[in-house]
């Protein structure tokens, strides 16, 4: 009796040529750097609801598709106010490298659009004879019109300095899409990429990033499993290196160690690929006199 074939296809280790070609075409519409508000990734206090990033991943099956699709919508907002996007579900499915873009992939895009509409991240307008038009809304899920955070911060700063803080944002280089990094990362990997991008801010690749498990839960509402899986995936993708560092200032205290992470944005300039780290198996030495 033949063994049953696995229903789950092996996970790709590199983006498909079709996805890279779709990203190249989308790049004609996208920003040089997509803008994303901190408030999409983190919450102000532990008593606040989970931030949109965590909400999208928790919202049932297809969380990573919702997240990738919404980020792609933001990438294509070249103007300071939202512009309608009229592309087929098949085109979006190809960009995200979903299996079977014309059918199964297109259905997953439609499901993601329905969720994003219900939770007030986008509006979708039917157009007879043409693909639906998608208009992005504010990243917080408030249902308010979208204004690019850079433009909104400048406007607020002119009248209300404290208001400008609400529009703090990070920038995601277009190479994140063009070189297929978005397509390869899972929801956990993408979530941790955004978390580390916010932690890093405007610093450089040599900046050590660290946060405690409690801090991560309070600010990002991401589980320990999600954080661990995401960091391992980023390491395999060459986007993060992790090292052990002592945190004590003097030699007269008990030494405590912690993991610090370095986000390597220069890796985005190369085509995405997974190179899993090899496990080192240590073989115990034989004791003298044993066979």
C-alpha atoms as a PDB file:
ATOM      1  CA  UNK A   1       0.000   0.000   0.000  1.00  0.00           C
ATOM      2  CA  UNK A   2       1.432   3.339  -1.046  1.00  0.00           C
ATOM      3  CA  UNK A   3       1.893   6.032   1.577  1.00  0.00           C
ATOM      4  CA  UNK A   4      -0.580   8.886   1.410  1.00  0.00           C
ATOM      5  CA  UNK A   5       0.732  12.061  -0.174  1.00  0.00           C
ATOM      6  CA  UNK A   6       0.987  15.036   2.139  1.00  0.00           C
ATOM      7  CA  UNK A   7      -1.791  17.575   1.636  1.00  0.00           C
ATOM      8  CA  UNK A   8       0.562  20.369   2.624  1.00  0.00           C
ATOM      9  CA  UNK A   9       2.986  21.506  -0.067  1.00  0.00           C
ATOM     10  CA  UNK A  10       6.579  22.050   1.065  1.00  0.00           C
ATOM     11  CA  UNK A  11       7.267  25.641   1.951  1.00  0.00           C
ATOM     12  CA  UNK A  12       9.189  27.580  -0.742  1.00  0.00           C
ATOM     13  CA  UNK A  13      12.746  28.625   0.048  1.00  0.00           C
ATOM     14  CA  UNK A  14      12.797  31.388  -2.594  1.00  0.00           C
ATOM     15  CA  UNK A  15      10.171  33.589  -4.291  1.00  0.00           C
ATOM     16  CA  UNK A  16       8.793  32.401  -7.617  1.00  0.00           C
ATOM     17  CA  UNK A  17       9.682  34.158 -10.859  1.00  0.00           C
ATOM     18  CA  UNK A  18       6.007  35.096 -11.287  1.00  0.00           C
ATOM     19  CA  UNK A  19       5.941  36.826  -7.890  1.00  0.00           C
ATOM     20  CA  UNK A  20       9.144  38.748  -8.634  1.00  0.00           C
ATOM     21  CA  UNK A  21       7.762  39.815 -12.005  1.00  0.00           C
ATOM     22  CA  UNK A  22       4.514  40.948 -10.368  1.00  0.00           C
ATOM     23  CA  UNK A  23       6.484  42.933  -7.770  1.00  0.00           C
ATOM     24  CA  UNK A  24       8.448  44.612 -10.549  1.00  0.00           C
ATOM     25  CA  UNK A  25       5.195  45.699 -12.172  1.00  0.00           C
ATOM     26  CA  UNK A  26       3.702  46.847  -8.866  1.00  0.00           C
ATOM     27  CA  UNK A  27       6.866  48.827  -8.197  1.00  0.00           C
ATOM     28  CA  UNK A  28       5.784  51.329 -10.865  1.00  0.00           C
ATOM     29  CA  UNK A  29       2.989  52.371  -8.505  1.00  0.00           C
ATOM     30  CA  UNK A  30       4.630  51.879  -5.132  1.00  0.00           C
ATOM     31  CA  UNK A  31       6.514  54.311  -2.927  1.00  0.00           C
ATOM     32  CA  UNK A  32      10.269  54.227  -2.657  1.00  0.00           C
ATOM     33  CA  UNK A  33       9.636  53.524   1.028  1.00  0.00           C
ATOM     34  CA  UNK A  34       6.257  52.502   2.413  1.00  0.00           C
ATOM     35  CA  UNK A  35       5.177  54.392   5.531  1.00  0.00           C
ATOM     36  CA  UNK A  36       3.678  52.570   8.512  1.00  0.00           C
ATOM     37  CA  UNK A  37       2.561  54.114  11.796  1.00  0.00           C
ATOM     38  CA  UNK A  38       3.979  52.733  15.031  1.00  0.00           C
ATOM     39  CA  UNK A  39       0.399  52.472  16.281  1.00  0.00           C
ATOM     40  CA  UNK A  40      -0.213  49.681  13.768  1.00  0.00           C
ATOM     41  CA  UNK A  41       2.453  47.562  15.473  1.00  0.00           C
ATOM     42  CA  UNK A  42       2.323  48.536  19.155  1.00  0.00           C
ATOM     43  CA  UNK A  43      -0.190  49.716  21.722  1.00  0.00           C
ATOM     44  CA  UNK A  44       0.276  52.562  24.192  1.00  0.00           C
ATOM     45  CA  UNK A  45      -0.619  50.635  27.380  1.00  0.00           C
ATOM     46  CA  UNK A  46      -1.206  46.963  28.295  1.00  0.00           C
ATOM     47  CA  UNK A  47      -4.883  47.790  28.957  1.00  0.00           C
ATOM     48  CA  UNK A  48      -5.476  48.881  25.355  1.00  0.00           C
ATOM     49  CA  UNK A  49      -6.879  46.396  22.811  1.00  0.00           C
ATOM     50  CA  UNK A  50      -4.285  44.449  20.808  1.00  0.00           C
ATOM     51  CA  UNK A  51      -2.746  46.593  18.039  1.00  0.00           C
ATOM     52  CA  UNK A  52      -3.849  46.022  14.418  1.00  0.00           C
ATOM     53  CA  UNK A  53      -0.825  43.821  13.688  1.00  0.00           C
ATOM     54  CA  UNK A  54      -1.841  41.310  16.374  1.00  0.00           C
ATOM     55  CA  UNK A  55      -5.527  41.605  15.422  1.00  0.00           C
ATOM     56  CA  UNK A  56      -4.834  40.627  11.819  1.00  0.00           C
ATOM     57  CA  UNK A  57      -2.812  37.587  12.814  1.00  0.00           C
ATOM     58  CA  UNK A  58      -5.389  36.458  15.386  1.00  0.00           C
ATOM     59  CA  UNK A  59      -8.409  36.894  13.146  1.00  0.00           C
ATOM     60  CA  UNK A  60      -8.691  33.246  12.114  1.00  0.00           C
ATOM     61  CA  UNK A  61      -7.146  31.543   9.110  1.00  0.00           C
ATOM     62  CA  UNK A  62      -5.427  33.713   6.549  1.00  0.00           C
ATOM     63  CA  UNK A  63      -3.902  36.212   8.963  1.00  0.00           C
ATOM     64  CA  UNK A  64      -0.639  36.405   7.047  1.00  0.00           C
ATOM     65  CA  UNK A  65      -2.526  37.065   3.783  1.00  0.00           C
ATOM     66  CA  UNK A  66      -4.460  39.951   5.370  1.00  0.00           C
ATOM     67  CA  UNK A  67      -1.251  41.427   6.753  1.00  0.00           C
ATOM     68  CA  UNK A  68       0.743  41.130   3.524  1.00  0.00           C
ATOM     69  CA  UNK A  69      -2.118  42.461   1.449  1.00  0.00           C
ATOM     70  CA  UNK A  70      -2.693  45.493   3.668  1.00  0.00           C
ATOM     71  CA  UNK A  71       1.011  46.350   3.759  1.00  0.00           C
ATOM     72  CA  UNK A  72       1.039  46.108  -0.037  1.00  0.00           C
ATOM     73  CA  UNK A  73      -1.892  48.529  -0.215  1.00  0.00           C
ATOM     74  CA  UNK A  74       0.097  50.984   1.911  1.00  0.00           C
ATOM     75  CA  UNK A  75       3.154  50.538  -0.295  1.00  0.00           C
ATOM     76  CA  UNK A  76       1.114  51.715  -3.281  1.00  0.00           C
ATOM     77  CA  UNK A  77      -0.039  54.942  -1.604  1.00  0.00           C
ATOM     78  CA  UNK A  78       2.260  57.361  -3.403  1.00  0.00           C
ATOM     79  CA  UNK A  79       0.130  60.412  -2.581  1.00  0.00           C
ATOM     80  CA  UNK A  80      -0.508  61.882   0.853  1.00  0.00           C
ATOM     81  CA  UNK A  81      -4.204  60.985   0.661  1.00  0.00           C
ATOM     82  CA  UNK A  82      -5.571  57.549  -0.202  1.00  0.00           C
ATOM     83  CA  UNK A  83      -5.851  56.691  -3.858  1.00  0.00           C
ATOM     84  CA  UNK A  84      -8.138  53.914  -5.073  1.00  0.00           C
ATOM     85  CA  UNK A  85      -6.435  50.734  -6.264  1.00  0.00           C
ATOM     86  CA  UNK A  86      -8.064  48.820  -9.104  1.00  0.00           C
ATOM     87  CA  UNK A  87      -6.244  45.551  -9.652  1.00  0.00           C
ATOM     88  CA  UNK A  88      -7.588  42.029  -9.966  1.00  0.00           C
ATOM     89  CA  UNK A  89      -7.565  39.562  -7.094  1.00  0.00           C
ATOM     90  CA  UNK A  90      -5.413  37.356  -9.312  1.00  0.00           C
ATOM     91  CA  UNK A  91      -2.783  40.108  -9.568  1.00  0.00           C
ATOM     92  CA  UNK A  92      -2.642  40.516  -5.779  1.00  0.00           C
ATOM     93  CA  UNK A  93      -2.437  36.734  -5.333  1.00  0.00           C
ATOM     94  CA  UNK A  94       0.502  36.584  -7.749  1.00  0.00           C
ATOM     95  CA  UNK A  95       2.264  39.423  -5.923  1.00  0.00           C
ATOM     96  CA  UNK A  96       1.909  37.538  -2.625  1.00  0.00           C
ATOM     97  CA  UNK A  97       3.008  34.294  -4.304  1.00  0.00           C
ATOM     98  CA  UNK A  98      -0.135  32.422  -3.286  1.00  0.00           C
ATOM     99  CA  UNK A  99      -0.703  29.007  -4.884  1.00  0.00           C
ATOM    100  CA  UNK A 100      -3.053  28.906  -7.885  1.00  0.00           C
ATOM    101  CA  UNK A 101      -3.512  32.713  -8.288  1.00  0.00           C
ATOM    102  CA  UNK A 102      -6.470  32.532 -10.747  1.00  0.00           C
ATOM    103  CA  UNK A 103      -8.672  30.446  -8.451  1.00  0.00           C
ATOM    104  CA  UNK A 104      -7.626  29.463  -4.906  1.00  0.00           C
ATOM    105  CA  UNK A 105      -5.268  32.426  -4.586  1.00  0.00           C
ATOM    106  CA  UNK A 106      -7.903  34.891  -5.782  1.00  0.00           C
ATOM    107  CA  UNK A 107     -10.413  33.475  -3.275  1.00  0.00           C
ATOM    108  CA  UNK A 108      -7.931  34.003  -0.433  1.00  0.00           C
ATOM    109  CA  UNK A 109      -7.475  37.621  -1.542  1.00  0.00           C
ATOM    110  CA  UNK A 110     -11.257  38.114  -1.570  1.00  0.00           C
ATOM    111  CA  UNK A 111     -11.513  36.606   1.930  1.00  0.00           C
ATOM    112  CA  UNK A 112      -8.760  38.933   3.157  1.00  0.00           C
ATOM    113  CA  UNK A 113     -10.477  41.946   1.620  1.00  0.00           C
ATOM    114  CA  UNK A 114     -13.736  40.992   3.343  1.00  0.00           C
ATOM    115  CA  UNK A 115     -11.990  40.834   6.737  1.00  0.00           C
ATOM    116  CA  UNK A 116     -10.170  44.130   6.167  1.00  0.00           C
ATOM    117  CA  UNK A 117     -13.447  45.766   5.151  1.00  0.00           C
ATOM    118  CA  UNK A 118     -15.325  44.429   8.180  1.00  0.00           C
ATOM    119  CA  UNK A 119     -12.587  45.705  10.511  1.00  0.00           C
ATOM    120  CA  UNK A 120     -12.435  49.118   8.825  1.00  0.00           C
ATOM    121  CA  UNK A 121      -8.968  48.984   7.315  1.00  0.00           C
ATOM    122  CA  UNK A 122     -10.228  49.414   3.745  1.00  0.00           C
ATOM    123  CA  UNK A 123     -13.358  50.087   1.719  1.00  0.00           C
ATOM    124  CA  UNK A 124     -14.188  48.085  -1.413  1.00  0.00           C
ATOM    125  CA  UNK A 125     -16.343  49.501  -4.174  1.00  0.00           C
ATOM    126  CA  UNK A 126     -17.803  47.257  -6.857  1.00  0.00           C
ATOM    127  CA  UNK A 127     -17.271  48.472 -10.424  1.00  0.00           C
ATOM    128  CA  UNK A 128     -19.323  46.728 -13.146  1.00  0.00           C
ATOM    129  CA  UNK A 129     -17.032  45.304 -15.794  1.00  0.00           C
ATOM    130  CA  UNK A 130     -13.905  46.257 -13.879  1.00  0.00           C
ATOM    131  CA  UNK A 131     -12.051  44.940 -10.800  1.00  0.00           C
ATOM    132  CA  UNK A 132     -13.243  46.226  -7.432  1.00  0.00           C
ATOM    133  CA  UNK A 133     -11.672  49.467  -6.234  1.00  0.00           C
ATOM    134  CA  UNK A 134      -9.923  49.304  -2.868  1.00  0.00           C
ATOM    135  CA  UNK A 135      -9.365  52.435  -0.784  1.00  0.00           C
ATOM    136  CA  UNK A 136      -7.176  52.136   2.310  1.00  0.00           C
ATOM    137  CA  UNK A 137      -8.243  53.652   5.617  1.00  0.00           C
ATOM    138  CA  UNK A 138      -6.190  54.682   8.648  1.00  0.00           C
ATOM    139  CA  UNK A 139      -3.894  51.894   9.942  1.00  0.00           C
ATOM    140  CA  UNK A 140      -5.479  51.955  13.403  1.00  0.00           C
ATOM    141  CA  UNK A 141      -8.748  50.460  12.141  1.00  0.00           C
ATOM    142  CA  UNK A 142     -10.610  53.580  13.247  1.00  0.00           C
ATOM    143  CA  UNK A 143     -12.348  53.865   9.879  1.00  0.00           C
ATOM    144  CA  UNK A 144     -10.957  57.376   9.379  1.00  0.00           C
ATOM    145  CA  UNK A 145      -9.622  58.418   5.959  1.00  0.00           C
ATOM    146  CA  UNK A 146      -6.020  57.546   5.281  1.00  0.00           C
ATOM    147  CA  UNK A 147      -3.429  60.320   5.307  1.00  0.00           C
ATOM    148  CA  UNK A 148       0.222  59.374   4.909  1.00  0.00           C
ATOM    149  CA  UNK A 149       1.841  59.610   8.374  1.00  0.00           C
ATOM    150  CA  UNK A 150       4.684  61.817   7.120  1.00  0.00           C
ATOM    151  CA  UNK A 151       2.250  64.422   5.808  1.00  0.00           C
ATOM    152  CA  UNK A 152      -0.026  64.091   8.842  1.00  0.00           C
ATOM    153  CA  UNK A 153       2.901  64.560  11.250  1.00  0.00           C
ATOM    154  CA  UNK A 154       3.995  67.765   9.501  1.00  0.00           C
ATOM    155  CA  UNK A 155       0.488  69.151   9.648  1.00  0.00           C
ATOM    156  CA  UNK A 156       0.074  68.278  13.327  1.00  0.00           C
ATOM    157  CA  UNK A 157       3.523  69.599  14.259  1.00  0.00           C
ATOM    158  CA  UNK A 158       2.624  73.038  12.926  1.00  0.00           C
ATOM    159  CA  UNK A 159      -0.254  73.368  15.402  1.00  0.00           C
ATOM    160  CA  UNK A 160       0.083  70.673  18.054  1.00  0.00           C
ATOM    161  CA  UNK A 161       3.460  69.177  18.918  1.00  0.00           C
ATOM    162  CA  UNK A 162       2.023  66.359  21.023  1.00  0.00           C
ATOM    163  CA  UNK A 163      -0.350  65.391  18.222  1.00  0.00           C
ATOM    164  CA  UNK A 164       2.546  64.699  15.885  1.00  0.00           C
ATOM    165  CA  UNK A 165       3.582  61.781  18.122  1.00  0.00           C
ATOM    166  CA  UNK A 166       0.446  59.927  17.015  1.00  0.00           C
ATOM    167  CA  UNK A 167       1.833  59.802  13.498  1.00  0.00           C
ATOM    168  CA  UNK A 168       5.306  58.435  14.262  1.00  0.00           C
ATOM    169  CA  UNK A 169       6.146  55.976  11.541  1.00  0.00           C
ATOM    170  CA  UNK A 170       8.729  53.596  10.163  1.00  0.00           C
ATOM    171  CA  UNK A 171       9.647  53.133   6.530  1.00  0.00           C
ATOM    172  CA  UNK A 172       9.803  49.826   4.669  1.00  0.00           C
ATOM    173  CA  UNK A 173      12.074  49.921   1.592  1.00  0.00           C
ATOM    174  CA  UNK A 174      10.473  48.917  -1.715  1.00  0.00           C
ATOM    175  CA  UNK A 175      13.097  46.167  -2.012  1.00  0.00           C
ATOM    176  CA  UNK A 176      11.094  44.323   0.656  1.00  0.00           C
ATOM    177  CA  UNK A 177       8.591  43.655  -2.146  1.00  0.00           C
ATOM    178  CA  UNK A 178      10.815  43.794  -5.227  1.00  0.00           C
ATOM    179  CA  UNK A 179      13.184  41.097  -3.973  1.00  0.00           C
ATOM    180  CA  UNK A 180      10.479  38.804  -2.618  1.00  0.00           C
ATOM    181  CA  UNK A 181      11.066  39.125   1.133  1.00  0.00           C
ATOM    182  CA  UNK A 182       7.373  39.799   1.809  1.00  0.00           C
ATOM    183  CA  UNK A 183       6.335  36.632  -0.003  1.00  0.00           C
ATOM    184  CA  UNK A 184       8.638  34.263   1.899  1.00  0.00           C
ATOM    185  CA  UNK A 185       7.983  35.396   5.464  1.00  0.00           C
ATOM    186  CA  UNK A 186       5.173  33.817   7.462  1.00  0.00           C
ATOM    187  CA  UNK A 187       2.888  35.923   9.625  1.00  0.00           C
ATOM    188  CA  UNK A 188       5.214  35.405  12.599  1.00  0.00           C
ATOM    189  CA  UNK A 189       8.313  36.364  10.615  1.00  0.00           C
ATOM    190  CA  UNK A 190       6.645  39.442   9.183  1.00  0.00           C
ATOM    191  CA  UNK A 191       5.331  40.479  12.598  1.00  0.00           C
ATOM    192  CA  UNK A 192       8.782  40.291  14.179  1.00  0.00           C
ATOM    193  CA  UNK A 193      10.309  42.154  11.244  1.00  0.00           C
ATOM    194  CA  UNK A 194       7.886  45.035  11.887  1.00  0.00           C
ATOM    195  CA  UNK A 195       8.480  44.890  15.659  1.00  0.00           C
ATOM    196  CA  UNK A 196      12.253  45.095  15.234  1.00  0.00           C
ATOM    197  CA  UNK A 197      11.854  47.850  12.647  1.00  0.00           C
ATOM    198  CA  UNK A 198       9.941  49.910  15.225  1.00  0.00           C
ATOM    199  CA  UNK A 199      12.456  49.085  17.962  1.00  0.00           C
ATOM    200  CA  UNK A 200      15.298  50.118  15.670  1.00  0.00           C
ATOM    201  CA  UNK A 201      13.721  53.388  14.485  1.00  0.00           C
ATOM    202  CA  UNK A 202      16.126  55.593  12.513  1.00  0.00           C
ATOM    203  CA  UNK A 203      19.247  53.823  13.862  1.00  0.00           C
ATOM    204  CA  UNK A 204      21.618  51.730  11.753  1.00  0.00           C
ATOM    205  CA  UNK A 205      22.218  47.991  11.350  1.00  0.00           C
ATOM    206  CA  UNK A 206      24.771  47.963  14.184  1.00  0.00           C
ATOM    207  CA  UNK A 207      22.167  48.959  16.779  1.00  0.00           C
ATOM    208  CA  UNK A 208      21.498  46.202  19.336  1.00  0.00           C
ATOM    209  CA  UNK A 209      17.774  45.613  19.927  1.00  0.00           C
ATOM    210  CA  UNK A 210      16.345  43.964  23.009  1.00  0.00           C
ATOM    211  CA  UNK A 211      13.013  43.652  24.761  1.00  0.00           C
ATOM    212  CA  UNK A 212      11.869  41.480  27.639  1.00  0.00           C
ATOM    213  CA  UNK A 213       9.056  38.922  27.211  1.00  0.00           C
ATOM    214  CA  UNK A 214       6.822  41.057  29.453  1.00  0.00           C
ATOM    215  CA  UNK A 215       7.563  44.185  27.452  1.00  0.00           C
ATOM    216  CA  UNK A 216       6.859  42.339  24.193  1.00  0.00           C
ATOM    217  CA  UNK A 217       3.507  41.097  25.490  1.00  0.00           C
ATOM    218  CA  UNK A 218       2.502  44.473  26.888  1.00  0.00           C
ATOM    219  CA  UNK A 219       3.416  46.474  23.797  1.00  0.00           C
ATOM    220  CA  UNK A 220       2.844  44.088  20.914  1.00  0.00           C
ATOM    221  CA  UNK A 221       0.412  41.452  22.268  1.00  0.00           C
ATOM    222  CA  UNK A 222       2.335  38.712  20.445  1.00  0.00           C
ATOM    223  CA  UNK A 223       2.738  35.287  22.010  1.00  0.00           C
ATOM    224  CA  UNK A 224       6.102  33.819  22.961  1.00  0.00           C
ATOM    225  CA  UNK A 225       5.660  31.156  20.255  1.00  0.00           C
ATOM    226  CA  UNK A 226       5.080  33.831  17.602  1.00  0.00           C
ATOM    227  CA  UNK A 227       8.120  35.802  18.728  1.00  0.00           C
ATOM    228  CA  UNK A 228      10.385  32.738  18.803  1.00  0.00           C
ATOM    229  CA  UNK A 229       9.223  31.410  15.438  1.00  0.00           C
ATOM    230  CA  UNK A 230       9.474  34.840  13.859  1.00  0.00           C
ATOM    231  CA  UNK A 231      13.017  35.494  15.068  1.00  0.00           C
ATOM    232  CA  UNK A 232      14.226  32.077  13.895  1.00  0.00           C
ATOM    233  CA  UNK A 233      12.697  32.692  10.496  1.00  0.00           C
ATOM    234  CA  UNK A 234      14.301  36.135  10.185  1.00  0.00           C
ATOM    235  CA  UNK A 235      17.655  34.578  11.061  1.00  0.00           C
ATOM    236  CA  UNK A 236      17.204  31.932   8.353  1.00  0.00           C
ATOM    237  CA  UNK A 237      16.356  34.715   5.900  1.00  0.00           C
ATOM    238  CA  UNK A 238      19.502  36.658   6.809  1.00  0.00           C
ATOM    239  CA  UNK A 239      17.475  39.616   8.071  1.00  0.00           C
ATOM    240  CA  UNK A 240      18.475  39.280  11.727  1.00  0.00           C
ATOM    241  CA  UNK A 241      21.519  38.175  13.678  1.00  0.00           C
ATOM    242  CA  UNK A 242      21.229  37.382  17.384  1.00  0.00           C
ATOM    243  CA  UNK A 243      24.017  37.386  19.973  1.00  0.00           C
ATOM    244  CA  UNK A 244      24.311  36.812  23.707  1.00  0.00           C
ATOM    245  CA  UNK A 245      25.415  39.860  25.662  1.00  0.00           C
ATOM    246  CA  UNK A 246      26.088  40.504  29.350  1.00  0.00           C
ATOM    247  CA  UNK A 247      23.943  43.234  30.869  1.00  0.00           C
ATOM    248  CA  UNK A 248      25.943  43.941  34.030  1.00  0.00           C
ATOM    249  CA  UNK A 249      27.960  47.154  34.201  1.00  0.00           C
ATOM    250  CA  UNK A 250      30.703  45.874  36.527  1.00  0.00           C
ATOM    251  CA  UNK A 251      32.639  42.695  37.255  1.00  0.00           C
ATOM    252  CA  UNK A 252      31.430  42.630  40.882  1.00  0.00           C
ATOM    253  CA  UNK A 253      27.856  41.579  40.123  1.00  0.00           C
ATOM    254  CA  UNK A 254      26.287  38.313  39.087  1.00  0.00           C
ATOM    255  CA  UNK A 255      26.502  38.221  35.303  1.00  0.00           C
ATOM    256  CA  UNK A 256      23.144  38.113  33.531  1.00  0.00           C
ATOM    257  CA  UNK A 257      22.958  37.396  29.826  1.00  0.00           C
ATOM    258  CA  UNK A 258      20.347  38.336  27.295  1.00  0.00           C
ATOM    259  CA  UNK A 259      19.768  37.945  23.573  1.00  0.00           C
ATOM    260  CA  UNK A 260      20.246  41.085  21.502  1.00  0.00           C
ATOM    261  CA  UNK A 261      19.131  41.327  17.889  1.00  0.00           C
ATOM    262  CA  UNK A 262      20.585  43.196  14.927  1.00  0.00           C
ATOM    263  CA  UNK A 263      18.257  43.982  12.041  1.00  0.00           C
ATOM    264  CA  UNK A 264      20.091  43.722   8.705  1.00  0.00           C
ATOM    265  CA  UNK A 265      18.159  45.888   6.268  1.00  0.00           C
ATOM    266  CA  UNK A 266      20.997  45.684   3.750  1.00  0.00           C
ATOM    267  CA  UNK A 267      19.843  42.095   3.118  1.00  0.00           C
ATOM    268  CA  UNK A 268      16.715  43.518   1.454  1.00  0.00           C
ATOM    269  CA  UNK A 269      18.833  44.537  -1.541  1.00  0.00           C
ATOM    270  CA  UNK A 270      19.332  40.852  -2.374  1.00  0.00           C
ATOM    271  CA  UNK A 271      16.784  38.295  -3.554  1.00  0.00           C
ATOM    272  CA  UNK A 272      15.039  36.646  -0.616  1.00  0.00           C
ATOM    273  CA  UNK A 273      15.987  33.086   0.319  1.00  0.00           C
ATOM    274  CA  UNK A 274      15.838  30.813   3.339  1.00  0.00           C
ATOM    275  CA  UNK A 275      19.061  29.146   4.462  1.00  0.00           C
ATOM    276  CA  UNK A 276      18.140  27.240   7.646  1.00  0.00           C
ATOM    277  CA  UNK A 277      20.868  27.106  10.235  1.00  0.00           C
ATOM    278  CA  UNK A 278      22.447  23.698  10.677  1.00  0.00           C
ATOM    279  CA  UNK A 279      22.105  22.081  14.047  1.00  0.00           C
ATOM    280  CA  UNK A 280      25.412  21.095  15.559  1.00  0.00           C
ATOM    281  CA  UNK A 281      25.212  17.603  17.078  1.00  0.00           C
ATOM    282  CA  UNK A 282      27.805  17.115  19.773  1.00  0.00           C
ATOM    283  CA  UNK A 283      29.010  13.537  20.186  1.00  0.00           C
ATOM    284  CA  UNK A 284      30.208  12.810  23.740  1.00  0.00           C
ATOM    285  CA  UNK A 285      33.766  11.656  24.065  1.00  0.00           C
ATOM    286  CA  UNK A 286      34.329   8.053  25.001  1.00  0.00           C
ATOM    287  CA  UNK A 287      35.667   7.447  28.441  1.00  0.00           C
ATOM    288  CA  UNK A 288      38.951   5.627  28.824  1.00  0.00           C
ATOM    289  CA  UNK A 289      38.482   1.870  29.003  1.00  0.00           C
ATOM    290  CA  UNK A 290      35.101   1.811  27.231  1.00  0.00           C
ATOM    291  CA  UNK A 291      34.554  -0.067  24.000  1.00  0.00           C
END
